PDB file of N, CA and C in Angstrom:
ATOM      1  N   MET A   1      29.605 -14.516  14.872  1.00  0.00           N
ATOM      2  CA  MET A   1      28.402 -14.916  14.658  1.00  0.00           C
ATOM      3  C   MET A   1      27.475 -14.164  15.769  1.00  0.00           C
ATOM      4  N   ASN A   2      26.149 -14.144  15.354  1.00  0.00           N
ATOM      5  CA  ASN A   2      25.159 -13.247  16.502  1.00  0.00           C
ATOM      6  C   ASN A   2      24.358 -14.047  16.423  1.00  0.00           C
ATOM      7  N   VAL A   3      24.385 -14.647  18.066  1.00  0.00           N
ATOM      8  CA  VAL A   3      23.651 -15.473  18.998  1.00  0.00           C
ATOM      9  C   VAL A   3      22.621 -14.858  19.639  1.00  0.00           C
ATOM     10  N   GLN A   4      21.288 -15.196  19.360  1.00  0.00           N
ATOM     11  CA  GLN A   4      20.245 -14.418  20.024  1.00  0.00           C
ATOM     12  C   GLN A   4      20.038 -15.366  21.392  1.00  0.00           C
ATOM     13  N   PRO A   5      19.602 -14.289  22.397  1.00  0.00           N
ATOM     14  CA  PRO A   5      19.113 -15.334  23.554  1.00  0.00           C
ATOM     15  C   PRO A   5      17.779 -15.859  23.366  1.00  0.00           C
ATOM     16  N   SER A   6      17.198 -16.800  24.231  1.00  0.00           N
ATOM     17  CA  SER A   6      15.830 -16.924  24.166  1.00  0.00           C
ATOM     18  C   SER A   6      15.088 -15.967  25.082  1.00  0.00           C
ATOM     19  N   GLN A   7      15.593 -15.235  25.992  1.00  0.00           N
ATOM     20  CA  GLN A   7      14.737 -14.479  26.730  1.00  0.00           C
ATOM     21  C   GLN A   7      15.113 -12.974  26.106  1.00  0.00           C
ATOM     22  N   LYS A   8      14.376 -12.348  24.980  1.00  0.00           N
ATOM     23  CA  LYS A   8      14.737 -11.046  24.656  1.00  0.00           C
ATOM     24  C   LYS A   8      14.122  -9.857  25.190  1.00  0.00           C
ATOM     25  N   THR A   9      14.608  -8.692  25.159  1.00  0.00           N
ATOM     26  CA  THR A   9      14.068  -7.604  25.839  1.00  0.00           C
ATOM     27  C   THR A   9      13.053  -6.871  24.661  1.00  0.00           C
ATOM     28  N   PHE A  10      12.175  -6.363  25.281  1.00  0.00           N
ATOM     29  CA  PHE A  10      10.928  -5.956  24.435  1.00  0.00           C
ATOM     30  C   PHE A  10      11.360  -5.354  23.082  1.00  0.00           C
ATOM     31  N   ARG A  11      12.535  -4.240  23.388  1.00  0.00           N
ATOM     32  CA  ARG A  11      12.974  -3.650  22.385  1.00  0.00           C
ATOM     33  C   ARG A  11      13.515  -4.185  21.208  1.00  0.00           C
ATOM     34  N   THR A  12      14.313  -4.997  21.364  1.00  0.00           N
ATOM     35  CA  THR A  12      14.859  -6.287  20.789  1.00  0.00           C
ATOM     36  C   THR A  12      13.721  -6.976  19.988  1.00  0.00           C
ATOM     37  N   LYS A  13      12.831  -7.325  20.651  1.00  0.00           N
ATOM     38  CA  LYS A  13      11.801  -8.272  19.976  1.00  0.00           C
ATOM     39  C   LYS A  13      10.957  -7.489  18.899  1.00  0.00           C
ATOM     40  N   ARG A  14      10.814  -6.218  19.261  1.00  0.00           N
ATOM     41  CA  ARG A  14       9.787  -5.238  18.513  1.00  0.00           C
ATOM     42  C   ARG A  14      10.848  -5.193  17.386  1.00  0.00           C
ATOM     43  N   ILE A  15      12.126  -4.813  17.128  1.00  0.00           N
ATOM     44  CA  ILE A  15      12.772  -4.748  16.171  1.00  0.00           C
ATOM     45  C   ILE A  15      12.927  -6.006  15.224  1.00  0.00           C
ATOM     46  N   LEU A  16      12.969  -7.044  15.869  1.00  0.00           N
ATOM     47  CA  LEU A  16      13.005  -8.333  14.979  1.00  0.00           C
ATOM     48  C   LEU A  16      11.651  -8.541  14.259  1.00  0.00           C
ATOM     49  N   ALA A  17      10.530  -8.087  14.963  1.00  0.00           N
ATOM     50  CA  ALA A  17       9.304  -8.111  14.526  1.00  0.00           C
ATOM     51  C   ALA A  17       8.983  -7.262  13.312  1.00  0.00           C
ATOM     52  N   LYS A  18       9.570  -6.121  13.395  1.00  0.00           N
ATOM     53  CA  LYS A  18       9.526  -5.007  12.326  1.00  0.00           C
ATOM     54  C   LYS A  18      10.603  -5.734  11.204  1.00  0.00           C
ATOM     55  N   ALA A  19      11.374  -6.139  11.333  1.00  0.00           N
ATOM     56  CA  ALA A  19      11.999  -6.779  10.419  1.00  0.00           C
ATOM     57  C   ALA A  19      11.428  -8.006   9.785  1.00  0.00           C
ATOM     58  N   ALA A  20      10.883  -8.935  10.021  1.00  0.00           N
ATOM     59  CA  ALA A  20      10.227  -9.994   9.820  1.00  0.00           C
ATOM     60  C   ALA A  20       8.986  -9.658   8.998  1.00  0.00           C
ATOM     61  N   ARG A  21       8.326  -8.459   9.229  1.00  0.00           N
ATOM     62  CA  ARG A  21       7.115  -7.694   8.429  1.00  0.00           C
ATOM     63  C   ARG A  21       7.744  -7.132   7.169  1.00  0.00           C
ATOM     64  N   GLN A  22       8.852  -6.345   7.324  1.00  0.00           N
ATOM     65  CA  GLN A  22       9.375  -6.044   6.072  1.00  0.00           C
ATOM     66  C   GLN A  22       9.863  -7.063   5.203  1.00  0.00           C
ATOM     67  N   ASN A  23      10.022  -8.222   5.122  1.00  0.00           N
ATOM     68  CA  ASN A  23      10.847  -9.047   4.743  1.00  0.00           C
ATOM     69  C   ASN A  23      10.042 -10.118   3.951  1.00  0.00           C
ATOM     70  N   ARG A  24       8.972  -9.352   3.067  1.00  0.00           N
ATOM     71  CA  ARG A  24       8.356  -9.920   2.466  1.00  0.00           C
ATOM     72  C   ARG A  24       8.193  -9.935   0.516  1.00  0.00           C
ATOM     73  N   PRO A  25       7.512 -10.481  -0.091  1.00  0.00           N
ATOM     74  CA  PRO A  25       7.512  -9.939  -1.519  1.00  0.00           C
ATOM     75  C   PRO A  25       6.618  -8.986  -1.594  1.00  0.00           C
ATOM     76  N   LEU A  26       6.411  -8.406  -2.691  1.00  0.00           N
ATOM     77  CA  LEU A  26       5.354  -7.480  -3.188  1.00  0.00           C
ATOM     78  C   LEU A  26       4.210  -8.365  -3.388  1.00  0.00           C
ATOM     79  N   PRO A  27       3.090  -7.416  -3.226  1.00  0.00           N
ATOM     80  CA  PRO A  27       1.767  -8.221  -3.556  1.00  0.00           C
ATOM     81  C   PRO A  27       1.517  -8.317  -5.176  1.00  0.00           C
ATOM     82  N   GLN A  28       0.977  -9.272  -5.629  1.00  0.00           N
ATOM     83  CA  GLN A  28       0.976  -9.468  -6.865  1.00  0.00           C
ATOM     84  C   GLN A  28       0.269  -8.666  -7.699  1.00  0.00           C
ATOM     85  N   TRP A  29      -1.180  -7.878  -6.881  1.00  0.00           N
ATOM     86  CA  TRP A  29      -1.691  -7.148  -7.523  1.00  0.00           C
ATOM     87  C   TRP A  29      -1.068  -5.595  -7.714  1.00  0.00           C
ATOM     88  N   PHE A  30      -0.165  -5.394  -6.797  1.00  0.00           N
ATOM     89  CA  PHE A  30       0.863  -3.946  -7.317  1.00  0.00           C
ATOM     90  C   PHE A  30       1.542  -4.506  -8.225  1.00  0.00           C
ATOM     91  N   ARG A  31       2.375  -5.500  -8.284  1.00  0.00           N
ATOM     92  CA  ARG A  31       2.885  -5.973  -9.921  1.00  0.00           C
ATOM     93  C   ARG A  31       2.297  -5.541 -10.908  1.00  0.00           C
ATOM     94  N   LEU A  32       0.657  -5.941 -10.952  1.00  0.00           N
ATOM     95  CA  LEU A  32      -0.052  -6.176 -12.045  1.00  0.00           C
ATOM     96  C   LEU A  32      -0.690  -4.542 -12.378  1.00  0.00           C
ATOM     97  N   LYS A  33      -0.052  -3.753 -11.562  1.00  0.00           N
ATOM     98  CA  LYS A  33      -0.779  -1.919 -11.949  1.00  0.00           C
ATOM     99  C   LYS A  33       0.139  -1.598 -13.153  1.00  0.00           C
ATOM    100  N   THR A  34      -0.550  -1.080 -14.078  1.00  0.00           N
ATOM    101  CA  THR A  34      -0.210  -0.745 -15.436  1.00  0.00           C
ATOM    102  C   THR A  34       1.242   0.226 -15.076  1.00  0.00           C
ATOM    103  N   ASP A  35       0.722   0.896 -14.462  1.00  0.00           N
ATOM    104  CA  ASP A  35       2.235   2.097 -14.346  1.00  0.00           C
ATOM    105  C   ASP A  35       3.634   1.851 -13.220  1.00  0.00           C
ATOM    106  N   SER A  36       3.088   0.719 -12.732  1.00  0.00           N
ATOM    107  CA  SER A  36       4.289   0.269 -11.862  1.00  0.00           C
ATOM    108  C   SER A  36       5.678  -0.445 -12.483  1.00  0.00           C
ATOM    109  N   LYS A  37       6.767   0.431 -12.038  1.00  0.00           N
ATOM    110  CA  LYS A  37       7.966   0.051 -12.477  1.00  0.00           C
ATOM    111  C   LYS A  37       8.875  -0.899 -11.590  1.00  0.00           C
ATOM    112  N   ILE A  38       8.042  -1.112 -10.280  1.00  0.00           N
ATOM    113  CA  ILE A  38       8.614  -1.891  -9.289  1.00  0.00           C
ATOM    114  C   ILE A  38       8.295  -3.470  -9.695  1.00  0.00           C
ATOM    115  N   GLN A  39       9.282  -4.080  -9.974  1.00  0.00           N
ATOM    116  CA  GLN A  39       8.954  -5.622  -9.777  1.00  0.00           C
ATOM    117  C   GLN A  39       9.214  -6.545  -8.882  1.00  0.00           C
ATOM    118  N   TYR A  40      10.017  -5.829  -8.056  1.00  0.00           N
ATOM    119  CA  TYR A  40      10.355  -6.971  -6.520  1.00  0.00           C
ATOM    120  C   TYR A  40      10.727  -6.232  -5.537  1.00  0.00           C
ATOM    121  N   ASN A  41      10.588  -6.540  -4.176  1.00  0.00           N
ATOM    122  CA  ASN A  41      11.496  -6.077  -3.092  1.00  0.00           C
ATOM    123  C   ASN A  41      12.745  -5.862  -3.269  1.00  0.00           C
ATOM    124  N   ALA A  42      13.311  -4.699  -3.451  1.00  0.00           N
ATOM    125  CA  ALA A  42      14.892  -4.585  -3.417  1.00  0.00           C
ATOM    126  C   ALA A  42      15.646  -4.670  -1.810  1.00  0.00           C
ATOM    127  N   LYS A  43      14.781  -4.525  -0.834  1.00  0.00           N
ATOM    128  CA  LYS A  43      15.233  -4.805   0.465  1.00  0.00           C
ATOM    129  C   LYS A  43      15.157  -5.603   1.249  1.00  0.00           C
ATOM    130  N   ARG A  44      14.547  -7.156   0.065  1.00  0.00           N
ATOM    131  CA  ARG A  44      14.613  -8.301   0.767  1.00  0.00           C
ATOM    132  C   ARG A  44      15.721  -8.942   1.632  1.00  0.00           C
ATOM    133  N   ARG A  45      15.452  -9.456   2.622  1.00  0.00           N
ATOM    134  CA  ARG A  45      16.874  -9.659   3.485  1.00  0.00           C
ATOM    135  C   ARG A  45      16.677 -11.540   3.772  1.00  0.00           C
ATOM    136  N   HIS A  46      17.807 -12.053   3.649  1.00  0.00           N
ATOM    137  CA  HIS A  46      18.012 -13.464   3.738  1.00  0.00           C
ATOM    138  C   HIS A  46      18.445 -13.643   5.140  1.00  0.00           C
ATOM    139  N   TRP A  47      18.087 -14.675   5.904  1.00  0.00           N
ATOM    140  CA  TRP A  47      18.576 -14.765   7.455  1.00  0.00           C
ATOM    141  C   TRP A  47      20.141 -15.009   7.693  1.00  0.00           C
ATOM    142  N   ARG A  48      20.293 -15.820   6.407  1.00  0.00           N
ATOM    143  CA  ARG A  48      21.838 -16.209   6.639  1.00  0.00           C
ATOM    144  C   ARG A  48      22.846 -15.178   5.739  1.00  0.00           C
ATOM    145  N   ARG A  49      22.676 -14.768   4.953  1.00  0.00           N
ATOM    146  CA  ARG A  49      23.512 -13.739   4.189  1.00  0.00           C
ATOM    147  C   ARG A  49      23.540 -12.379   4.799  1.00  0.00           C
ATOM    148  N   THR A  50      22.489 -12.126   5.151  1.00  0.00           N
ATOM    149  CA  THR A  50      22.613 -10.542   5.720  1.00  0.00           C
ATOM    150  C   THR A  50      22.004 -10.572   7.306  1.00  0.00           C
ATOM    151  N   LYS A  51      22.780 -10.087   8.010  1.00  0.00           N
ATOM    152  CA  LYS A  51      22.502 -10.027   9.504  1.00  0.00           C
ATOM    153  C   LYS A  51      21.717  -8.369   9.916  1.00  0.00           C
ATOM    154  N   LEU A  52      21.023  -8.197  10.815  1.00  0.00           N
ATOM    155  CA  LEU A  52      20.802  -7.286  11.409  1.00  0.00           C
ATOM    156  C   LEU A  52      21.423  -6.242  12.258  1.00  0.00           C
ATOM    157  N   ASN A  53      22.131  -6.777  12.574  1.00  0.00           N
ATOM    158  CA  ASN A  53      23.107  -6.017  13.297  1.00  0.00           C
ATOM    159  C   ASN A  53      22.541  -5.399  14.757  1.00  0.00           C
ATOM    160  N   ILE A  54      21.765  -5.995  15.442  1.00  0.00           N
ATOM    161  CA  ILE A  54      21.080  -5.485  16.654  1.00  0.00           C
ATOM    162  C   ILE A  54      21.807  -5.859  17.988  1.00  0.00           C
TER     163      ILE A  54
END
């Protein structure tokens, strides 16, 4: 089990913040573009299923 301390180092916090920003769906306007083949974010991560290993 990967337990996170309450007092994190800045490096760890920066990695967690980047992961939180990346973990979002595609914008709707991007999906509505005519030539777009991408329908969903393939790199979406669930906090319980896939861990970051930091």
